[in-house]
Structures are given as structure tokens and as C-alpha cells.
Amino acid sequence: MASVNLQYSKKAFGFFIIALLLVSSFLVINQNADGTRVTFYSDANIGGGNPEGNIEIYLFDTTTGIITQITDTGGVNDGNT
């Protein structure tokens, strides 16, 4: 499992999400009750941990501003993403 940690402020993360919407598949799939942890998936190469362009799951911790890549599907892209 890859772990790519990138630090963002909440405001910068908002701009980051807008950029993801423009250039890749992106969807917020869950957040905890107080909104401090947000999971999402994307086929973007966030932090260099997804050069294949596969759909990966990420966690954004709003208290630390860190995005962590949770999955690493490696070279599994079958062209359907």
C-alpha cells in the first residue's frame, strides 16, 4: 500500500478538489461525523503515487491538512477507467 502524504490547508484543499474535477475522475465517498476526515477516489497522480492513472482511494485529514493515498493498484489499469 502506497502512502503519499501532501499537506494542504482547508482552503487550498478546496481549490485542489476543483482542479481534480477539471482534470480527472473524482468523487467524495465518505466523511466522518465532524468532517475532519474525508475519503475520495481519483485517477489523478496525486503526489506521484499513481503514475498509471488508476482509480485510487485517498484520505484527507482536515485537522492536519494531509492527503494520504490509501490504495495502490499498481499496473492494474485495464483501460476502462
PDB file of N, CA and C in Angstrom:
ATOM      1  N   MET A   1       0.849  -1.173   0.000  1.00  0.00           N
ATOM      2  CA  MET A   1       0.000   0.000   0.000  1.00  0.00           C
ATOM      3  C   MET A   1       0.890   1.230   0.000  1.00  0.00           C
ATOM      4  N   ALA A   2       0.639   2.136  -0.927  1.00  0.00           N
ATOM      5  CA  ALA A   2       1.408   3.374  -1.021  1.00  0.00           C
ATOM      6  C   ALA A   2       0.862   4.393  -0.045  1.00  0.00           C
ATOM      7  N   SER A   3       1.734   5.209   0.443  1.00  0.00           N
ATOM      8  CA  SER A   3       1.296   6.307   1.286  1.00  0.00           C
ATOM      9  C   SER A   3       1.963   7.573   0.781  1.00  0.00           C
ATOM     10  N   VAL A   4       1.177   8.403   0.133  1.00  0.00           N
ATOM     11  CA  VAL A   4       1.663   9.680  -0.371  1.00  0.00           C
ATOM     12  C   VAL A   4       1.040  10.750   0.494  1.00  0.00           C
ATOM     13  N   ASN A   5       1.855  11.439   1.253  1.00  0.00           N
ATOM     14  CA  ASN A   5       1.337  12.464   2.150  1.00  0.00           C
ATOM     15  C   ASN A   5       1.620  13.848   1.580  1.00  0.00           C
ATOM     16  N   LEU A   6       0.574  14.627   1.386  1.00  0.00           N
ATOM     17  CA  LEU A   6       0.684  16.007   0.934  1.00  0.00           C
ATOM     18  C   LEU A   6      -0.072  16.874   1.917  1.00  0.00           C
ATOM     19  N   GLN A   7       0.496  18.007   2.269  1.00  0.00           N
ATOM     20  CA  GLN A   7      -0.161  18.854   3.254  1.00  0.00           C
ATOM     21  C   GLN A   7      -0.840  20.038   2.580  1.00  0.00           C
ATOM     22  N   TYR A   8      -2.115  20.272   2.927  1.00  0.00           N
ATOM     23  CA  TYR A   8      -2.924  21.352   2.381  1.00  0.00           C
ATOM     24  C   TYR A   8      -3.692  22.014   3.514  1.00  0.00           C
ATOM     25  N   SER A   9      -3.910  23.316   3.399  1.00  0.00           N
ATOM     26  CA  SER A   9      -4.855  23.964   4.299  1.00  0.00           C
ATOM     27  C   SER A   9      -6.257  23.613   3.801  1.00  0.00           C
ATOM     28  N   LYS A  10      -7.277  23.847   4.603  1.00  0.00           N
ATOM     29  CA  LYS A  10      -8.650  23.560   4.169  1.00  0.00           C
ATOM     30  C   LYS A  10      -9.001  24.361   2.918  1.00  0.00           C
ATOM     31  N   LYS A  11      -8.592  25.621   2.855  1.00  0.00           N
ATOM     32  CA  LYS A  11      -8.879  26.455   1.690  1.00  0.00           C
ATOM     33  C   LYS A  11      -8.150  25.906   0.461  1.00  0.00           C
ATOM     34  N   ALA A  12      -6.883  25.569   0.615  1.00  0.00           N
ATOM     35  CA  ALA A  12      -6.115  25.027  -0.513  1.00  0.00           C
ATOM     36  C   ALA A  12      -6.696  23.700  -0.967  1.00  0.00           C
ATOM     37  N   PHE A  13      -7.184  22.889  -0.023  1.00  0.00           N
ATOM     38  CA  PHE A  13      -7.795  21.613  -0.395  1.00  0.00           C
ATOM     39  C   PHE A  13      -9.029  21.850  -1.253  1.00  0.00           C
ATOM     40  N   GLY A  14      -9.794  22.890  -0.957  1.00  0.00           N
ATOM     41  CA  GLY A  14     -10.960  23.226  -1.772  1.00  0.00           C
ATOM     42  C   GLY A  14     -10.561  23.518  -3.211  1.00  0.00           C
ATOM     43  N   PHE A  15      -9.498  24.289  -3.400  1.00  0.00           N
ATOM     44  CA  PHE A  15      -9.011  24.568  -4.754  1.00  0.00           C
ATOM     45  C   PHE A  15      -8.480  23.299  -5.411  1.00  0.00           C
ATOM     46  N   PHE A  16      -7.834  22.453  -4.617  1.00  0.00           N
ATOM     47  CA  PHE A  16      -7.313  21.176  -5.113  1.00  0.00           C
ATOM     48  C   PHE A  16      -8.459  20.316  -5.643  1.00  0.00           C
ATOM     49  N   ILE A  17      -9.572  20.260  -4.919  1.00  0.00           N
ATOM     50  CA  ILE A  17     -10.738  19.481  -5.339  1.00  0.00           C
ATOM     51  C   ILE A  17     -11.304  20.029  -6.648  1.00  0.00           C
ATOM     52  N   ILE A  18     -11.380  21.337  -6.769  1.00  0.00           N
ATOM     53  CA  ILE A  18     -11.868  21.934  -8.016  1.00  0.00           C
ATOM     54  C   ILE A  18     -10.962  21.537  -9.175  1.00  0.00           C
ATOM     55  N   ALA A  19      -9.653  21.575  -8.954  1.00  0.00           N
ATOM     56  CA  ALA A  19      -8.715  21.173 -10.004  1.00  0.00           C
ATOM     57  C   ALA A  19      -8.902  19.711 -10.365  1.00  0.00           C
ATOM     58  N   LEU A  20      -9.126  18.839  -9.369  1.00  0.00           N
ATOM     59  CA  LEU A  20      -9.358  17.418  -9.658  1.00  0.00           C
ATOM     60  C   LEU A  20     -10.600  17.227 -10.512  1.00  0.00           C
ATOM     61  N   LEU A  21     -11.633  17.991 -10.233  1.00  0.00           N
ATOM     62  CA  LEU A  21     -12.864  17.885 -11.012  1.00  0.00           C
ATOM     63  C   LEU A  21     -12.630  18.238 -12.477  1.00  0.00           C
ATOM     64  N   LEU A  22     -11.700  19.139 -12.725  1.00  0.00           N
ATOM     65  CA  LEU A  22     -11.429  19.579 -14.089  1.00  0.00           C
ATOM     66  C   LEU A  22     -10.559  18.610 -14.875  1.00  0.00           C
ATOM     67  N   VAL A  23      -9.702  17.854 -14.188  1.00  0.00           N
ATOM     68  CA  VAL A  23      -8.722  17.045 -14.919  1.00  0.00           C
ATOM     69  C   VAL A  23      -8.839  15.542 -14.711  1.00  0.00           C
ATOM     70  N   SER A  24      -9.700  15.080 -13.849  1.00  0.00           N
ATOM     71  CA  SER A  24      -9.732  13.648 -13.586  1.00  0.00           C
ATOM     72  C   SER A  24     -11.085  13.212 -13.051  1.00  0.00           C
ATOM     73  N   SER A  25     -11.218  11.900 -12.922  1.00  0.00           N
ATOM     74  CA  SER A  25     -12.381  11.352 -12.229  1.00  0.00           C
ATOM     75  C   SER A  25     -12.190  11.620 -10.744  1.00  0.00           C
ATOM     76  N   PHE A  26     -13.237  12.049 -10.082  1.00  0.00           N
ATOM     77  CA  PHE A  26     -13.129  12.388  -8.665  1.00  0.00           C
ATOM     78  C   PHE A  26     -14.486  12.254  -8.023  1.00  0.00           C
ATOM     79  N   LEU A  27     -14.516  11.702  -6.826  1.00  0.00           N
ATOM     80  CA  LEU A  27     -15.759  11.628  -6.083  1.00  0.00           C
ATOM     81  C   LEU A  27     -15.456  11.500  -4.601  1.00  0.00           C
ATOM     82  N   VAL A  28     -16.104  12.342  -3.789  1.00  0.00           N
ATOM     83  CA  VAL A  28     -16.007  12.188  -2.338  1.00  0.00           C
ATOM     84  C   VAL A  28     -16.901  11.014  -1.967  1.00  0.00           C
ATOM     85  N   ILE A  29     -16.343  10.026  -1.294  1.00  0.00           N
ATOM     86  CA  ILE A  29     -17.136   8.852  -0.989  1.00  0.00           C
ATOM     87  C   ILE A  29     -17.582   8.769   0.461  1.00  0.00           C
ATOM     88  N   ASN A  30     -16.942   9.527   1.349  1.00  0.00           N
ATOM     89  CA  ASN A  30     -17.374   9.487   2.739  1.00  0.00           C
ATOM     90  C   ASN A  30     -16.642  10.550   3.546  1.00  0.00           C
ATOM     91  N   GLN A  31     -17.229  10.915   4.663  1.00  0.00           N
ATOM     92  CA  GLN A  31     -16.542  11.742   5.649  1.00  0.00           C
ATOM     93  C   GLN A  31     -17.066  11.364   7.019  1.00  0.00           C
ATOM     94  N   ASN A  32     -16.230  11.603   8.030  1.00  0.00           N
ATOM     95  CA  ASN A  32     -16.700  11.275   9.375  1.00  0.00           C
ATOM     96  C   ASN A  32     -17.673  12.352   9.859  1.00  0.00           C
ATOM     97  N   ALA A  33     -18.281  12.118  11.019  1.00  0.00           N
ATOM     98  CA  ALA A  33     -19.374  12.968  11.508  1.00  0.00           C
ATOM     99  C   ALA A  33     -18.981  14.435  11.678  1.00  0.00           C
ATOM    100  N   ASP A  34     -17.756  14.702  12.126  1.00  0.00           N
ATOM    101  CA  ASP A  34     -17.371  16.100  12.330  1.00  0.00           C
ATOM    102  C   ASP A  34     -16.614  16.689  11.133  1.00  0.00           C
ATOM    103  N   GLY A  35     -16.517  15.923  10.052  1.00  0.00           N
ATOM    104  CA  GLY A  35     -15.924  16.440   8.821  1.00  0.00           C
ATOM    105  C   GLY A  35     -14.418  16.575   8.829  1.00  0.00           C
ATOM    106  N   THR A  36     -13.753  15.957   9.804  1.00  0.00           N
ATOM    107  CA  THR A  36     -12.297  16.091   9.875  1.00  0.00           C
ATOM    108  C   THR A  36     -11.557  15.100   8.984  1.00  0.00           C
ATOM    109  N   ARG A  37     -12.233  14.057   8.546  1.00  0.00           N
ATOM    110  CA  ARG A  37     -11.618  13.079   7.639  1.00  0.00           C
ATOM    111  C   ARG A  37     -12.550  12.861   6.452  1.00  0.00           C
ATOM    112  N   VAL A  38     -11.999  13.067   5.261  1.00  0.00           N
ATOM    113  CA  VAL A  38     -12.764  12.930   4.033  1.00  0.00           C
ATOM    114  C   VAL A  38     -12.055  11.917   3.140  1.00  0.00           C
ATOM    115  N   THR A  39     -12.784  10.897   2.695  1.00  0.00           N
ATOM    116  CA  THR A  39     -12.205   9.956   1.741  1.00  0.00           C
ATOM    117  C   THR A  39     -12.776  10.250   0.362  1.00  0.00           C
ATOM    118  N   PHE A  40     -11.944  10.047  -0.638  1.00  0.00           N
ATOM    119  CA  PHE A  40     -12.367  10.260  -2.017  1.00  0.00           C
ATOM    120  C   PHE A  40     -11.548   9.367  -2.923  1.00  0.00           C
ATOM    121  N   TYR A  41     -12.062   9.164  -4.142  1.00  0.00           N
ATOM    122  CA  TYR A  41     -11.253   8.445  -5.107  1.00  0.00           C
ATOM    123  C   TYR A  41     -10.984   9.327  -6.307  1.00  0.00           C
ATOM    124  N   SER A  42      -9.856   9.032  -6.962  1.00  0.00           N
ATOM    125  CA  SER A  42      -9.451   9.818  -8.115  1.00  0.00           C
ATOM    126  C   SER A  42      -8.495   8.996  -8.961  1.00  0.00           C
ATOM    127  N   ASP A  43      -8.459   9.307 -10.267  1.00  0.00           N
ATOM    128  CA  ASP A  43      -7.463   8.691 -11.137  1.00  0.00           C
ATOM    129  C   ASP A  43      -6.295   9.643 -11.396  1.00  0.00           C
ATOM    130  N   ALA A  44      -6.250  10.751 -10.657  1.00  0.00           N
ATOM    131  CA  ALA A  44      -5.149  11.709 -10.796  1.00  0.00           C
ATOM    132  C   ALA A  44      -3.887  11.158 -10.133  1.00  0.00           C
ATOM    133  N   ASN A  45      -2.739  11.641 -10.576  1.00  0.00           N
ATOM    134  CA  ASN A  45      -1.459  11.245 -10.000  1.00  0.00           C
ATOM    135  C   ASN A  45      -1.120  12.208  -8.865  1.00  0.00           C
ATOM    136  N   ILE A  46      -1.804  12.051  -7.758  1.00  0.00           N
ATOM    137  CA  ILE A  46      -1.650  12.943  -6.610  1.00  0.00           C
ATOM    138  C   ILE A  46      -0.340  12.609  -5.896  1.00  0.00           C
ATOM    139  N   GLY A  47       0.580  13.540  -5.887  1.00  0.00           N
ATOM    140  CA  GLY A  47       1.844  13.346  -5.191  1.00  0.00           C
ATOM    141  C   GLY A  47       2.771  12.336  -5.825  1.00  0.00           C
ATOM    142  N   GLY A  48       2.499  11.922  -7.045  1.00  0.00           N
ATOM    143  CA  GLY A  48       3.376  10.982  -7.737  1.00  0.00           C
ATOM    144  C   GLY A  48       3.151   9.526  -7.402  1.00  0.00           C
ATOM    145  N   GLY A  49       2.123   9.230  -6.611  1.00  0.00           N
ATOM    146  CA  GLY A  49       1.875   7.848  -6.194  1.00  0.00           C
ATOM    147  C   GLY A  49       0.982   7.057  -7.131  1.00  0.00           C
ATOM    148  N   ASN A  50       0.564   7.656  -8.258  1.00  0.00           N
ATOM    149  CA  ASN A  50      -0.347   6.975  -9.174  1.00  0.00           C
ATOM    150  C   ASN A  50       0.006   7.289 -10.632  1.00  0.00           C
ATOM    151  N   PRO A  51       1.233   6.965 -11.066  1.00  0.00           N
ATOM    152  CA  PRO A  51       1.627   7.296 -12.434  1.00  0.00           C
ATOM    153  C   PRO A  51       0.843   6.539 -13.505  1.00  0.00           C
ATOM    154  N   GLU A  52       0.218   5.415 -13.130  1.00  0.00           N
ATOM    155  CA  GLU A  52      -0.556   4.621 -14.089  1.00  0.00           C
ATOM    156  C   GLU A  52      -1.925   5.228 -14.378  1.00  0.00           C
ATOM    157  N   GLY A  53      -2.387   6.144 -13.529  1.00  0.00           N
ATOM    158  CA  GLY A  53      -3.701   6.750 -13.705  1.00  0.00           C
ATOM    159  C   GLY A  53      -4.841   5.845 -13.291  1.00  0.00           C
ATOM    160  N   ASN A  54      -4.578   4.914 -12.389  1.00  0.00           N
ATOM    161  CA  ASN A  54      -5.631   4.042 -11.866  1.00  0.00           C
ATOM    162  C   ASN A  54      -6.491   4.809 -10.871  1.00  0.00           C
ATOM    163  N   ILE A  55      -7.675   4.311 -10.627  1.00  0.00           N
ATOM    164  CA  ILE A  55      -8.506   4.900  -9.585  1.00  0.00           C
ATOM    165  C   ILE A  55      -7.973   4.435  -8.239  1.00  0.00           C
ATOM    166  N   GLU A  56      -7.611   5.391  -7.404  1.00  0.00           N
ATOM    167  CA  GLU A  56      -7.079   5.114  -6.068  1.00  0.00           C
ATOM    168  C   GLU A  56      -7.945   5.831  -5.033  1.00  0.00           C
ATOM    169  N   ILE A  57      -7.909   5.338  -3.805  1.00  0.00           N
ATOM    170  CA  ILE A  57      -8.651   5.947  -2.706  1.00  0.00           C
ATOM    171  C   ILE A  57      -7.680   6.756  -1.848  1.00  0.00           C
ATOM    172  N   TYR A  58      -8.128   7.954  -1.474  1.00  0.00           N
ATOM    173  CA  TYR A  58      -7.312   8.875  -0.686  1.00  0.00           C
ATOM    174  C   TYR A  58      -8.081   9.316   0.562  1.00  0.00           C
ATOM    175  N   LEU A  59      -7.339   9.714   1.576  1.00  0.00           N
ATOM    176  CA  LEU A  59      -7.902  10.249   2.817  1.00  0.00           C
ATOM    177  C   LEU A  59      -7.339  11.646   3.023  1.00  0.00           C
ATOM    178  N   PHE A  60      -8.231  12.621   3.216  1.00  0.00           N
ATOM    179  CA  PHE A  60      -7.812  13.979   3.568  1.00  0.00           C
ATOM    180  C   PHE A  60      -8.177  14.223   5.017  1.00  0.00           C
ATOM    181  N   ASP A  61      -7.189  14.517   5.840  1.00  0.00           N
ATOM    182  CA  ASP A  61      -7.398  14.840   7.248  1.00  0.00           C
ATOM    183  C   ASP A  61      -7.400  16.356   7.374  1.00  0.00           C
ATOM    184  N   THR A  62      -8.566  16.942   7.657  1.00  0.00           N
ATOM    185  CA  THR A  62      -8.681  18.398   7.694  1.00  0.00           C
ATOM    186  C   THR A  62      -7.975  19.009   8.901  1.00  0.00           C
ATOM    187  N   THR A  63      -7.689  18.210   9.924  1.00  0.00           N
ATOM    188  CA  THR A  63      -7.006  18.755  11.099  1.00  0.00           C
ATOM    189  C   THR A  63      -5.512  18.924  10.846  1.00  0.00           C
ATOM    190  N   THR A  64      -4.937  18.071  10.012  1.00  0.00           N
ATOM    191  CA  THR A  64      -3.507  18.163   9.716  1.00  0.00           C
ATOM    192  C   THR A  64      -3.245  18.725   8.326  1.00  0.00           C
ATOM    193  N   GLY A  65      -4.270  18.688   7.444  1.00  0.00           N
ATOM    194  CA  GLY A  65      -4.095  19.135   6.075  1.00  0.00           C
ATOM    195  C   GLY A  65      -3.378  18.131   5.203  1.00  0.00           C
ATOM    196  N   ILE A  66      -3.322  16.877   5.638  1.00  0.00           N
ATOM    197  CA  ILE A  66      -2.564  15.849   4.912  1.00  0.00           C
ATOM    198  C   ILE A  66      -3.494  14.960   4.102  1.00  0.00           C
ATOM    199  N   ILE A  67      -3.111  14.745   2.831  1.00  0.00           N
ATOM    200  CA  ILE A  67      -3.787  13.774   1.969  1.00  0.00           C
ATOM    201  C   ILE A  67      -2.906  12.532   1.927  1.00  0.00           C
ATOM    202  N   THR A  68      -3.496  11.372   2.217  1.00  0.00           N
ATOM    203  CA  THR A  68      -2.775  10.107   2.182  1.00  0.00           C
ATOM    204  C   THR A  68      -3.420   9.190   1.152  1.00  0.00           C
ATOM    205  N   GLN A  69      -2.606   8.628   0.270  1.00  0.00           N
ATOM    206  CA  GLN A  69      -3.107   7.642  -0.688  1.00  0.00           C
ATOM    207  C   GLN A  69      -3.275   6.329   0.066  1.00  0.00           C
ATOM    208  N   ILE A  70      -4.500   5.789   0.079  1.00  0.00           N
ATOM    209  CA  ILE A  70      -4.818   4.596   0.845  1.00  0.00           C
ATOM    210  C   ILE A  70      -4.568   3.326   0.039  1.00  0.00           C
ATOM    211  N   THR A  71      -4.932   3.323  -1.238  1.00  0.00           N
ATOM    212  CA  THR A  71      -4.758   2.137  -2.072  1.00  0.00           C
ATOM    213  C   THR A  71      -3.604   2.335  -3.049  1.00  0.00           C
ATOM    214  N   ASP A  72      -3.100   1.216  -3.554  1.00  0.00           N
ATOM    215  CA  ASP A  72      -2.088   1.235  -4.599  1.00  0.00           C
ATOM    216  C   ASP A  72      -2.357   0.060  -5.530  1.00  0.00           C
ATOM    217  N   THR A  73      -3.102   0.327  -6.598  1.00  0.00           N
ATOM    218  CA  THR A  73      -3.476  -0.744  -7.506  1.00  0.00           C
ATOM    219  C   THR A  73      -2.373  -1.056  -8.511  1.00  0.00           C
ATOM    220  N   GLY A  74      -1.266  -0.330  -8.461  1.00  0.00           N
ATOM    221  CA  GLY A  74      -0.124  -0.620  -9.332  1.00  0.00           C
ATOM    222  C   GLY A  74      -0.486  -0.536 -10.800  1.00  0.00           C
ATOM    223  N   GLY A  75      -0.058  -1.518 -11.582  1.00  0.00           N
ATOM    224  CA  GLY A  75      -0.269  -1.519 -13.020  1.00  0.00           C
ATOM    225  C   GLY A  75      -1.553  -2.182 -13.441  1.00  0.00           C
ATOM    226  N   VAL A  76      -2.610  -2.064 -12.642  1.00  0.00           N
ATOM    227  CA  VAL A  76      -3.861  -2.796 -12.884  1.00  0.00           C
ATOM    228  C   VAL A  76      -4.767  -2.103 -13.896  1.00  0.00           C
ATOM    229  N   ASN A  77      -4.467  -0.894 -14.322  1.00  0.00           N
ATOM    230  CA  ASN A  77      -5.347  -0.150 -15.228  1.00  0.00           C
ATOM    231  C   ASN A  77      -5.635  -0.965 -16.472  1.00  0.00           C
ATOM    232  N   ASP A  78      -6.915  -1.295 -16.677  1.00  0.00           N
ATOM    233  CA  ASP A  78      -7.282  -2.111 -17.830  1.00  0.00           C
ATOM    234  C   ASP A  78      -7.850  -1.288 -18.977  1.00  0.00           C
ATOM    235  N   GLY A  79      -7.714   0.029 -18.871  1.00  0.00           N
ATOM    236  CA  GLY A  79      -8.196   0.902 -19.931  1.00  0.00           C
ATOM    237  C   GLY A  79      -9.648   1.300 -19.783  1.00  0.00           C
ATOM    238  N   ASN A  80     -10.338   0.801 -18.771  1.00  0.00           N
ATOM    239  CA  ASN A  80     -11.756   1.118 -18.561  1.00  0.00           C
ATOM    240  C   ASN A  80     -11.959   2.214 -17.541  1.00  0.00           C
ATOM    241  N   THR A  81     -10.903   2.845 -17.044  1.00  0.00           N
ATOM    242  CA  THR A  81     -11.061   3.892 -16.042  1.00  0.00           C
ATOM    243  C   THR A  81     -11.026   5.249 -16.670  1.00  0.00           C
TER     244      THR A  81
END
